[in-house]
Amino acid sequence: MIGVLAVIAILAGMLIPKIFEAIRNSRINATLEAYNTLKAAALDNYAKWGRFASNNLPYTGTEFDNVLFIEGRIDAKASDKIPLTVGSATNIYLSVTTGIGNGSSGYDLDGNGSADTTNAAAVVELVIGSVSGRDARDLSLRLDGPSMSATDDSSADSKGRVEYAAPSGNPKATTVYMYITHQ
């Protein structure tokens, strides 16, 4: 009986980490699926109106989510679609801003060290607050590849479509900015 319990304990010890990794991967995949859905909705909105915001004024916070939801381009707002946060963060939204990424400077989409979005451009970005450093890096690796991603889970990433500051606090988390498109 003790031998059977030992075997079960060993198997459980090997299986539990894989189960938690599968759950984490499903959260990353759900976030990437939501990103692609929001990107298609934003591009569809642009195709219809020829701009992202009325009178070319930016939509801040959750306003662009509301526009896409009211137009029927998305079935739920970004905060309802993305399960990738540490704690109970509600600061997840699709935003139209002027030329920024990572909260301050333009997106360096090709990794050459200079911004590819100008300060005058209307940039559509997905903002996800309170993301763990590991999850933020995994998003960057999947969208941008290893050459344009941070070297570890505690570093900042300022290149590519996924940008974020170095994770901080307890638990260590950061706000992730995901480039969708710009005009």
N, C-alpha and C. Protein backbone atom coordinates (compact mmCIF):
# COMPACT_ATOMS: atom_id res chain seq x y z
N MET A 1 0.82 -1.18 0.00
CA MET A 1 0.00 0.00 0.00
C MET A 1 0.88 1.27 0.00
N ILE A 2 1.94 1.24 0.80
CA ILE A 2 2.85 2.39 0.86
C ILE A 2 3.53 2.59 -0.48
N GLY A 3 3.88 1.51 -1.15
CA GLY A 3 4.50 1.60 -2.47
C GLY A 3 3.58 2.25 -3.49
N VAL A 4 2.31 1.88 -3.46
CA VAL A 4 1.32 2.47 -4.38
C VAL A 4 1.17 3.96 -4.10
N LEU A 5 1.10 4.33 -2.82
CA LEU A 5 1.00 5.75 -2.47
C LEU A 5 2.24 6.52 -2.91
N ALA A 6 3.40 5.91 -2.78
CA ALA A 6 4.64 6.56 -3.21
C ALA A 6 4.64 6.79 -4.70
N VAL A 7 4.20 5.80 -5.47
CA VAL A 7 4.13 5.95 -6.92
C VAL A 7 3.14 7.06 -7.30
N ILE A 8 2.00 7.09 -6.65
CA ILE A 8 1.00 8.13 -6.92
C ILE A 8 1.57 9.51 -6.58
N ALA A 9 2.28 9.61 -5.46
CA ALA A 9 2.88 10.88 -5.07
C ALA A 9 3.92 11.33 -6.08
N ILE A 10 4.73 10.41 -6.57
CA ILE A 10 5.75 10.74 -7.58
C ILE A 10 5.09 11.20 -8.87
N LEU A 11 4.08 10.49 -9.32
CA LEU A 11 3.37 10.87 -10.54
C LEU A 11 2.69 12.23 -10.40
N ALA A 12 2.08 12.46 -9.24
CA ALA A 12 1.43 13.76 -8.99
C ALA A 12 2.48 14.87 -8.99
N GLY A 13 3.62 14.62 -8.39
CA GLY A 13 4.71 15.60 -8.36
C GLY A 13 5.22 15.95 -9.75
N MET A 14 5.20 14.98 -10.64
CA MET A 14 5.65 15.22 -12.01
C MET A 14 4.54 15.90 -12.83
N LEU A 15 3.30 15.62 -12.54
CA LEU A 15 2.18 16.09 -13.34
C LEU A 15 1.71 17.49 -12.97
N ILE A 16 1.73 17.84 -11.70
CA ILE A 16 1.20 19.13 -11.26
C ILE A 16 1.90 20.32 -11.92
N PRO A 17 3.24 20.37 -12.00
CA PRO A 17 3.87 21.50 -12.69
C PRO A 17 3.44 21.61 -14.16
N LYS A 18 3.25 20.47 -14.81
CA LYS A 18 2.82 20.49 -16.21
C LYS A 18 1.39 21.03 -16.34
N ILE A 19 0.56 20.74 -15.37
CA ILE A 19 -0.82 21.25 -15.39
C ILE A 19 -0.81 22.77 -15.24
N PHE A 20 -0.01 23.28 -14.30
CA PHE A 20 0.06 24.73 -14.11
C PHE A 20 0.66 25.43 -15.33
N GLU A 21 1.64 24.80 -15.97
CA GLU A 21 2.22 25.37 -17.20
C GLU A 21 1.19 25.39 -18.33
N ALA A 22 0.38 24.34 -18.41
CA ALA A 22 -0.67 24.30 -19.44
C ALA A 22 -1.71 25.40 -19.19
N ILE A 23 -2.04 25.65 -17.95
CA ILE A 23 -2.98 26.73 -17.62
C ILE A 23 -2.39 28.08 -18.01
N ARG A 24 -1.11 28.30 -17.69
CA ARG A 24 -0.45 29.56 -18.06
C ARG A 24 -0.41 29.73 -19.56
N ASN A 25 -0.08 28.66 -20.29
CA ASN A 25 -0.05 28.73 -21.76
C ASN A 25 -1.43 29.03 -22.33
N SER A 26 -2.48 28.51 -21.71
CA SER A 26 -3.82 28.79 -22.21
C SER A 26 -4.18 30.26 -21.99
N ARG A 27 -3.71 30.87 -20.88
CA ARG A 27 -3.93 32.31 -20.67
C ARG A 27 -3.19 33.14 -21.71
N ILE A 28 -1.96 32.75 -22.02
CA ILE A 28 -1.18 33.46 -23.05
C ILE A 28 -1.89 33.32 -24.40
N ASN A 29 -2.32 32.11 -24.74
CA ASN A 29 -3.00 31.88 -26.02
C ASN A 29 -4.31 32.66 -26.10
N ALA A 30 -5.07 32.71 -25.01
CA ALA A 30 -6.31 33.48 -24.99
C ALA A 30 -6.04 34.97 -25.20
N THR A 31 -4.95 35.46 -24.61
CA THR A 31 -4.58 36.86 -24.79
C THR A 31 -4.20 37.14 -26.24
N LEU A 32 -3.43 36.24 -26.85
CA LEU A 32 -3.05 36.43 -28.25
C LEU A 32 -4.26 36.34 -29.18
N GLU A 33 -5.19 35.47 -28.86
CA GLU A 33 -6.41 35.37 -29.66
C GLU A 33 -7.23 36.66 -29.53
N ALA A 34 -7.34 37.19 -28.32
CA ALA A 34 -8.05 38.45 -28.11
C ALA A 34 -7.34 39.59 -28.84
N TYR A 35 -6.01 39.60 -28.80
CA TYR A 35 -5.22 40.61 -29.52
C TYR A 35 -5.55 40.57 -31.01
N ASN A 36 -5.57 39.38 -31.60
CA ASN A 36 -5.87 39.26 -33.03
C ASN A 36 -7.30 39.68 -33.35
N THR A 37 -8.25 39.35 -32.47
CA THR A 37 -9.64 39.77 -32.66
C THR A 37 -9.76 41.29 -32.60
N LEU A 38 -9.11 41.90 -31.62
CA LEU A 38 -9.16 43.35 -31.48
C LEU A 38 -8.46 44.04 -32.64
N LYS A 39 -7.40 43.45 -33.14
CA LYS A 39 -6.70 44.01 -34.30
C LYS A 39 -7.61 43.99 -35.53
N ALA A 40 -8.28 42.87 -35.75
CA ALA A 40 -9.20 42.79 -36.90
C ALA A 40 -10.34 43.80 -36.76
N ALA A 41 -10.87 43.96 -35.54
CA ALA A 41 -11.95 44.92 -35.31
C ALA A 41 -11.48 46.36 -35.55
N ALA A 42 -10.28 46.69 -35.09
CA ALA A 42 -9.74 48.04 -35.29
C ALA A 42 -9.51 48.33 -36.77
N LEU A 43 -8.97 47.36 -37.49
CA LEU A 43 -8.73 47.55 -38.93
C LEU A 43 -10.05 47.64 -39.69
N ASP A 44 -11.05 46.88 -39.27
CA ASP A 44 -12.37 46.96 -39.89
C ASP A 44 -12.99 48.33 -39.64
N ASN A 45 -12.84 48.84 -38.43
CA ASN A 45 -13.32 50.18 -38.09
C ASN A 45 -12.65 51.23 -38.97
N TYR A 46 -11.34 51.10 -39.15
CA TYR A 46 -10.60 52.05 -39.98
C TYR A 46 -11.04 51.96 -41.44
N ALA A 47 -11.27 50.75 -41.91
CA ALA A 47 -11.71 50.58 -43.30
C ALA A 47 -13.05 51.27 -43.55
N LYS A 48 -13.91 51.28 -42.57
CA LYS A 48 -15.21 51.91 -42.72
C LYS A 48 -15.14 53.43 -42.62
N TRP A 49 -14.41 53.94 -41.64
CA TRP A 49 -14.42 55.37 -41.36
C TRP A 49 -13.20 56.13 -41.89
N GLY A 50 -12.13 55.44 -42.24
CA GLY A 50 -10.94 56.12 -42.75
C GLY A 50 -10.10 56.77 -41.67
N ARG A 51 -10.43 56.54 -40.43
CA ARG A 51 -9.67 57.06 -39.29
C ARG A 51 -10.08 56.25 -38.05
N PHE A 52 -9.29 56.39 -36.99
CA PHE A 52 -9.58 55.64 -35.77
C PHE A 52 -10.42 56.43 -34.78
N ALA A 53 -10.35 57.74 -34.82
CA ALA A 53 -11.07 58.55 -33.85
C ALA A 53 -11.78 59.69 -34.56
N SER A 54 -12.92 60.09 -34.02
CA SER A 54 -13.66 61.19 -34.62
C SER A 54 -12.84 62.47 -34.56
N ASN A 55 -12.79 63.18 -35.68
CA ASN A 55 -12.00 64.42 -35.80
C ASN A 55 -10.54 64.20 -35.43
N ASN A 56 -10.06 62.97 -35.58
CA ASN A 56 -8.68 62.59 -35.28
C ASN A 56 -8.26 62.88 -33.84
N LEU A 57 -9.23 62.93 -32.94
CA LEU A 57 -8.91 63.06 -31.52
C LEU A 57 -8.74 61.66 -30.95
N PRO A 58 -7.75 61.45 -30.10
CA PRO A 58 -7.54 60.09 -29.57
C PRO A 58 -8.62 59.65 -28.61
N TYR A 59 -8.86 58.35 -28.56
CA TYR A 59 -9.73 57.74 -27.56
C TYR A 59 -8.83 57.28 -26.42
N THR A 60 -9.11 57.70 -25.24
CA THR A 60 -8.30 57.28 -24.10
C THR A 60 -9.05 56.26 -23.27
N GLY A 61 -8.31 55.52 -22.47
CA GLY A 61 -8.93 54.52 -21.60
C GLY A 61 -9.74 53.51 -22.38
N THR A 62 -10.95 53.26 -21.94
CA THR A 62 -11.78 52.23 -22.56
C THR A 62 -12.69 52.77 -23.67
N GLU A 63 -12.52 54.01 -24.08
CA GLU A 63 -13.42 54.60 -25.07
C GLU A 63 -13.42 53.85 -26.39
N PHE A 64 -12.26 53.44 -26.89
CA PHE A 64 -12.22 52.75 -28.19
C PHE A 64 -12.84 51.36 -28.08
N ASP A 65 -12.67 50.71 -26.93
CA ASP A 65 -13.37 49.44 -26.68
C ASP A 65 -14.87 49.66 -26.84
N ASN A 66 -15.38 50.75 -26.24
CA ASN A 66 -16.81 51.04 -26.30
C ASN A 66 -17.26 51.29 -27.73
N VAL A 67 -16.47 52.01 -28.51
CA VAL A 67 -16.82 52.28 -29.90
C VAL A 67 -16.94 50.97 -30.68
N LEU A 68 -15.93 50.11 -30.57
CA LEU A 68 -15.95 48.84 -31.29
C LEU A 68 -17.09 47.94 -30.82
N PHE A 69 -17.39 47.99 -29.52
CA PHE A 69 -18.48 47.19 -28.97
C PHE A 69 -19.84 47.70 -29.49
N ILE A 70 -20.03 49.01 -29.47
CA ILE A 70 -21.29 49.60 -29.94
C ILE A 70 -21.49 49.34 -31.43
N GLU A 71 -20.39 49.40 -32.21
CA GLU A 71 -20.48 49.14 -33.65
C GLU A 71 -20.68 47.65 -33.95
N GLY A 72 -20.58 46.79 -32.94
CA GLY A 72 -20.76 45.36 -33.14
C GLY A 72 -19.53 44.67 -33.72
N ARG A 73 -18.38 45.29 -33.64
CA ARG A 73 -17.15 44.71 -34.19
C ARG A 73 -16.51 43.72 -33.22
N ILE A 74 -16.80 43.87 -31.92
CA ILE A 74 -16.34 42.92 -30.92
C ILE A 74 -17.53 42.53 -30.05
N ASP A 75 -17.48 41.32 -29.51
CA ASP A 75 -18.60 40.84 -28.69
C ASP A 75 -18.39 41.11 -27.20
N ALA A 76 -17.18 41.51 -26.82
CA ALA A 76 -16.88 41.85 -25.43
C ALA A 76 -15.67 42.78 -25.41
N LYS A 77 -15.59 43.60 -24.39
CA LYS A 77 -14.47 44.54 -24.28
C LYS A 77 -13.19 43.80 -23.93
N ALA A 78 -12.06 44.45 -24.16
CA ALA A 78 -10.76 43.82 -23.94
C ALA A 78 -10.63 43.30 -22.51
N SER A 79 -11.13 44.04 -21.55
CA SER A 79 -11.01 43.61 -20.15
C SER A 79 -11.76 42.31 -19.89
N ASP A 80 -12.78 42.01 -20.70
CA ASP A 80 -13.53 40.76 -20.53
C ASP A 80 -12.89 39.60 -21.28
N LYS A 81 -12.02 39.89 -22.25
CA LYS A 81 -11.46 38.85 -23.10
C LYS A 81 -10.08 38.38 -22.66
N ILE A 82 -9.39 39.17 -21.84
CA ILE A 82 -7.98 38.87 -21.55
C ILE A 82 -7.82 38.41 -20.10
N PRO A 83 -7.39 37.16 -19.91
CA PRO A 83 -7.26 36.61 -18.56
C PRO A 83 -5.86 36.77 -17.97
N LEU A 84 -5.03 37.61 -18.55
CA LEU A 84 -3.61 37.65 -18.23
C LEU A 84 -3.26 38.79 -17.29
N THR A 85 -3.61 38.68 -16.01
CA THR A 85 -3.24 39.71 -15.05
C THR A 85 -2.87 39.07 -13.73
N VAL A 86 -2.07 39.80 -12.96
CA VAL A 86 -1.71 39.37 -11.62
C VAL A 86 -2.66 40.10 -10.68
N GLY A 87 -3.42 39.40 -9.89
CA GLY A 87 -4.37 40.03 -8.99
C GLY A 87 -5.66 40.39 -9.72
N SER A 88 -6.31 41.44 -9.27
CA SER A 88 -7.61 41.81 -9.84
C SER A 88 -7.52 43.11 -10.61
N ALA A 89 -6.60 43.20 -11.54
CA ALA A 89 -6.44 44.42 -12.33
C ALA A 89 -7.61 44.60 -13.28
N THR A 90 -8.06 45.82 -13.40
CA THR A 90 -9.13 46.12 -14.34
C THR A 90 -8.66 47.10 -15.41
N ASN A 91 -7.39 47.42 -15.41
CA ASN A 91 -6.87 48.38 -16.37
C ASN A 91 -6.40 47.68 -17.65
N ILE A 92 -7.36 47.08 -18.35
CA ILE A 92 -7.10 46.43 -19.63
C ILE A 92 -8.01 47.10 -20.64
N TYR A 93 -7.44 47.67 -21.69
CA TYR A 93 -8.28 48.37 -22.65
C TYR A 93 -7.57 48.52 -23.98
N LEU A 94 -8.36 48.81 -25.00
CA LEU A 94 -7.88 49.11 -26.34
C LEU A 94 -7.93 50.62 -26.47
N SER A 95 -6.82 51.23 -26.81
CA SER A 95 -6.72 52.68 -26.80
C SER A 95 -6.22 53.22 -28.13
N VAL A 96 -6.67 54.39 -28.50
CA VAL A 96 -6.10 55.13 -29.63
C VAL A 96 -5.38 56.32 -29.03
N THR A 97 -4.07 56.35 -29.16
CA THR A 97 -3.28 57.44 -28.61
C THR A 97 -2.45 58.06 -29.72
N THR A 98 -1.74 59.11 -29.42
CA THR A 98 -0.91 59.75 -30.44
C THR A 98 0.53 59.30 -30.30
N GLY A 99 0.94 58.45 -31.22
CA GLY A 99 2.32 58.07 -31.43
C GLY A 99 3.10 57.43 -30.32
N ILE A 100 2.47 56.85 -29.31
CA ILE A 100 3.28 56.35 -28.21
C ILE A 100 3.25 54.84 -28.09
N GLY A 101 4.22 54.32 -27.40
CA GLY A 101 4.31 52.93 -27.00
C GLY A 101 5.02 52.92 -25.67
N ASN A 102 4.82 51.93 -24.86
CA ASN A 102 5.45 51.81 -23.55
C ASN A 102 5.24 53.07 -22.71
N GLY A 103 4.14 53.76 -22.96
CA GLY A 103 3.79 54.90 -22.15
C GLY A 103 4.49 56.20 -22.47
N SER A 104 5.52 56.21 -23.32
CA SER A 104 6.25 57.47 -23.52
C SER A 104 6.74 57.70 -24.94
N SER A 105 7.42 56.76 -25.54
CA SER A 105 8.00 56.99 -26.86
C SER A 105 7.35 56.09 -27.89
N GLY A 106 7.58 56.38 -29.17
CA GLY A 106 6.96 55.59 -30.24
C GLY A 106 7.44 54.16 -30.25
N TYR A 107 6.67 53.29 -30.89
CA TYR A 107 7.02 51.88 -31.00
C TYR A 107 8.21 51.70 -31.95
N ASP A 108 9.19 50.94 -31.51
CA ASP A 108 10.33 50.55 -32.34
C ASP A 108 9.99 49.18 -32.91
N LEU A 109 9.25 49.17 -34.01
CA LEU A 109 8.71 47.91 -34.54
C LEU A 109 9.76 47.03 -35.20
N ASP A 110 10.82 47.63 -35.74
CA ASP A 110 11.84 46.83 -36.42
C ASP A 110 13.08 46.59 -35.57
N GLY A 111 13.12 47.13 -34.36
CA GLY A 111 14.23 46.89 -33.45
C GLY A 111 15.51 47.60 -33.79
N ASN A 112 15.44 48.68 -34.58
CA ASN A 112 16.66 49.38 -34.98
C ASN A 112 17.06 50.49 -34.01
N GLY A 113 16.29 50.66 -32.93
CA GLY A 113 16.64 51.66 -31.93
C GLY A 113 15.91 52.98 -32.09
N SER A 114 15.12 53.16 -33.15
CA SER A 114 14.37 54.40 -33.31
C SER A 114 12.89 54.11 -33.49
N ALA A 115 12.06 55.08 -33.10
CA ALA A 115 10.61 54.90 -33.15
C ALA A 115 10.12 54.84 -34.59
N ASP A 116 9.19 53.93 -34.85
CA ASP A 116 8.58 53.79 -36.17
C ASP A 116 7.20 54.43 -36.22
N THR A 117 6.68 54.89 -35.08
CA THR A 117 5.43 55.62 -35.04
C THR A 117 5.75 57.04 -34.61
N THR A 118 5.27 58.00 -35.37
CA THR A 118 5.57 59.40 -35.05
C THR A 118 4.64 59.91 -33.97
N ASN A 119 5.02 61.03 -33.37
CA ASN A 119 4.19 61.63 -32.32
C ASN A 119 2.84 62.09 -32.84
N ALA A 120 2.72 62.32 -34.14
CA ALA A 120 1.46 62.78 -34.72
C ALA A 120 0.55 61.63 -35.13
N ALA A 121 1.09 60.41 -35.24
CA ALA A 121 0.30 59.27 -35.71
C ALA A 121 -0.68 58.81 -34.64
N ALA A 122 -1.87 58.41 -35.10
CA ALA A 122 -2.84 57.80 -34.19
C ALA A 122 -2.48 56.32 -34.10
N VAL A 123 -2.09 55.88 -32.90
CA VAL A 123 -1.65 54.50 -32.68
C VAL A 123 -2.73 53.76 -31.89
N VAL A 124 -3.12 52.59 -32.40
CA VAL A 124 -4.04 51.73 -31.66
C VAL A 124 -3.19 50.72 -30.91
N GLU A 125 -3.39 50.66 -29.59
CA GLU A 125 -2.62 49.73 -28.77
C GLU A 125 -3.52 49.07 -27.75
N LEU A 126 -3.15 47.85 -27.42
CA LEU A 126 -3.83 47.12 -26.36
C LEU A 126 -2.99 47.29 -25.11
N VAL A 127 -3.59 47.79 -24.05
CA VAL A 127 -2.89 48.03 -22.79
C VAL A 127 -3.39 47.00 -21.78
N ILE A 128 -2.45 46.25 -21.20
CA ILE A 128 -2.80 45.23 -20.21
C ILE A 128 -2.00 45.52 -18.95
N GLY A 129 -2.70 45.88 -17.89
CA GLY A 129 -2.04 46.20 -16.63
C GLY A 129 -1.79 44.96 -15.79
N SER A 130 -0.81 45.04 -14.92
CA SER A 130 -0.50 44.00 -13.93
C SER A 130 -0.22 42.63 -14.53
N VAL A 131 0.72 42.58 -15.47
CA VAL A 131 1.14 41.32 -16.09
C VAL A 131 2.47 40.91 -15.46
N SER A 132 2.60 39.63 -15.13
CA SER A 132 3.86 39.16 -14.55
C SER A 132 4.97 39.28 -15.59
N GLY A 133 6.21 39.43 -15.12
CA GLY A 133 7.34 39.55 -16.03
C GLY A 133 7.47 38.34 -16.94
N ARG A 134 7.21 37.17 -16.40
CA ARG A 134 7.31 35.94 -17.20
C ARG A 134 6.28 35.93 -18.33
N ASP A 135 5.02 36.32 -18.00
CA ASP A 135 3.97 36.34 -19.02
C ASP A 135 4.22 37.44 -20.05
N ALA A 136 4.72 38.61 -19.59
CA ALA A 136 5.02 39.70 -20.51
C ALA A 136 6.11 39.26 -21.50
N ARG A 137 7.14 38.62 -20.98
CA ARG A 137 8.23 38.16 -21.86
C ARG A 137 7.73 37.08 -22.82
N ASP A 138 6.86 36.19 -22.35
CA ASP A 138 6.32 35.15 -23.22
C ASP A 138 5.48 35.74 -24.35
N LEU A 139 4.68 36.77 -24.04
CA LEU A 139 3.92 37.46 -25.09
C LEU A 139 4.87 38.05 -26.13
N SER A 140 5.92 38.69 -25.65
CA SER A 140 6.90 39.29 -26.56
C SER A 140 7.61 38.23 -27.41
N LEU A 141 7.99 37.13 -26.78
CA LEU A 141 8.65 36.06 -27.54
C LEU A 141 7.74 35.52 -28.64
N ARG A 142 6.46 35.37 -28.34
CA ARG A 142 5.53 34.80 -29.33
C ARG A 142 5.19 35.77 -30.45
N LEU A 143 5.12 37.08 -30.15
CA LEU A 143 4.78 38.05 -31.19
C LEU A 143 6.00 38.62 -31.91
N ASP A 144 7.09 38.85 -31.16
CA ASP A 144 8.26 39.52 -31.73
C ASP A 144 9.45 38.61 -31.99
N GLY A 145 9.49 37.46 -31.35
CA GLY A 145 10.63 36.56 -31.52
C GLY A 145 11.73 36.89 -30.53
N PRO A 146 12.69 35.97 -30.39
CA PRO A 146 13.74 36.14 -29.37
C PRO A 146 14.66 37.33 -29.62
N SER A 147 14.89 37.70 -30.86
CA SER A 147 15.83 38.79 -31.13
C SER A 147 15.30 40.16 -30.70
N MET A 148 13.97 40.29 -30.57
CA MET A 148 13.39 41.59 -30.18
C MET A 148 12.70 41.52 -28.83
N SER A 149 12.99 40.51 -28.03
CA SER A 149 12.37 40.36 -26.72
C SER A 149 13.39 40.58 -25.62
N ALA A 150 12.91 40.85 -24.42
CA ALA A 150 13.79 41.02 -23.27
C ALA A 150 14.58 39.74 -23.03
N THR A 151 15.75 39.88 -22.43
CA THR A 151 16.61 38.72 -22.21
C THR A 151 16.16 37.86 -21.04
N ASP A 152 15.40 38.44 -20.09
CA ASP A 152 14.91 37.66 -18.95
C ASP A 152 13.59 38.25 -18.46
N ASP A 153 13.01 37.60 -17.44
CA ASP A 153 11.70 37.98 -16.93
C ASP A 153 11.68 39.27 -16.13
N SER A 154 12.84 39.80 -15.76
CA SER A 154 12.88 41.00 -14.92
C SER A 154 13.36 42.23 -15.69
N SER A 155 13.57 42.11 -17.00
CA SER A 155 14.05 43.23 -17.80
C SER A 155 12.91 43.91 -18.54
N ALA A 156 13.15 45.17 -18.95
CA ALA A 156 12.20 45.91 -19.77
C ALA A 156 12.33 45.47 -21.22
N ASP A 157 11.29 45.71 -22.00
CA ASP A 157 11.29 45.40 -23.43
C ASP A 157 10.82 46.65 -24.16
N SER A 158 11.66 47.21 -25.01
CA SER A 158 11.29 48.44 -25.72
C SER A 158 11.37 48.29 -27.23
N LYS A 159 11.33 47.05 -27.72
CA LYS A 159 11.39 46.80 -29.16
C LYS A 159 10.24 45.90 -29.57
N GLY A 160 9.75 46.10 -30.77
CA GLY A 160 8.72 45.23 -31.31
C GLY A 160 7.31 45.66 -31.00
N ARG A 161 6.38 44.74 -31.19
CA ARG A 161 4.95 45.02 -30.98
C ARG A 161 4.54 44.94 -29.52
N VAL A 162 5.35 44.28 -28.70
CA VAL A 162 5.06 44.17 -27.27
C VAL A 162 6.14 44.94 -26.51
N GLU A 163 5.72 45.95 -25.74
CA GLU A 163 6.66 46.75 -24.97
C GLU A 163 6.19 46.87 -23.54
N TYR A 164 7.14 46.93 -22.60
CA TYR A 164 6.81 47.06 -21.19
C TYR A 164 8.04 47.50 -20.41
N ALA A 165 7.79 48.11 -19.27
CA ALA A 165 8.87 48.49 -18.35
C ALA A 165 9.26 47.27 -17.53
N ALA A 166 10.39 47.36 -16.85
CA ALA A 166 10.83 46.25 -16.00
C ALA A 166 9.79 46.00 -14.91
N PRO A 167 9.42 44.74 -14.69
CA PRO A 167 8.43 44.43 -13.65
C PRO A 167 8.91 44.87 -12.28
N SER A 168 7.98 45.37 -11.46
CA SER A 168 8.33 45.81 -10.13
C SER A 168 7.17 45.53 -9.17
N GLY A 169 7.39 45.76 -7.90
CA GLY A 169 6.36 45.57 -6.89
C GLY A 169 6.33 44.14 -6.38
N ASN A 170 5.30 43.86 -5.58
CA ASN A 170 5.15 42.52 -5.03
C ASN A 170 3.69 42.11 -5.19
N PRO A 171 3.34 41.19 -6.06
CA PRO A 171 4.24 40.44 -6.93
C PRO A 171 4.75 41.31 -8.08
N LYS A 172 5.90 40.92 -8.63
CA LYS A 172 6.50 41.70 -9.71
C LYS A 172 5.60 41.67 -10.93
N ALA A 173 5.16 42.86 -11.34
CA ALA A 173 4.26 42.98 -12.48
C ALA A 173 4.57 44.26 -13.24
N THR A 174 4.05 44.35 -14.46
CA THR A 174 4.26 45.51 -15.31
C THR A 174 3.04 45.73 -16.18
N THR A 175 2.96 46.89 -16.79
CA THR A 175 1.91 47.17 -17.76
C THR A 175 2.47 46.87 -19.15
N VAL A 176 1.75 46.08 -19.92
CA VAL A 176 2.19 45.69 -21.26
C VAL A 176 1.42 46.51 -22.29
N TYR A 177 2.16 47.05 -23.27
CA TYR A 177 1.58 47.80 -24.38
C TYR A 177 1.80 46.97 -25.64
N MET A 178 0.69 46.61 -26.31
CA MET A 178 0.79 45.79 -27.51
C MET A 178 0.33 46.60 -28.72
N TYR A 179 1.25 46.86 -29.63
CA TYR A 179 0.95 47.63 -30.84
C TYR A 179 -0.03 46.85 -31.71
N ILE A 180 -1.06 47.53 -32.19
CA ILE A 180 -2.01 46.92 -33.13
C ILE A 180 -1.82 47.50 -34.52
N THR A 181 -1.95 48.82 -34.65
CA THR A 181 -1.74 49.47 -35.94
C THR A 181 -1.66 50.98 -35.72
N HIS A 182 -1.30 51.72 -36.75
CA HIS A 182 -1.34 53.18 -36.66
C HIS A 182 -1.65 53.77 -38.04
N GLN A 183 -2.06 55.02 -38.03
CA GLN A 183 -2.34 55.71 -39.30
C GLN A 183 -1.38 56.86 -39.47
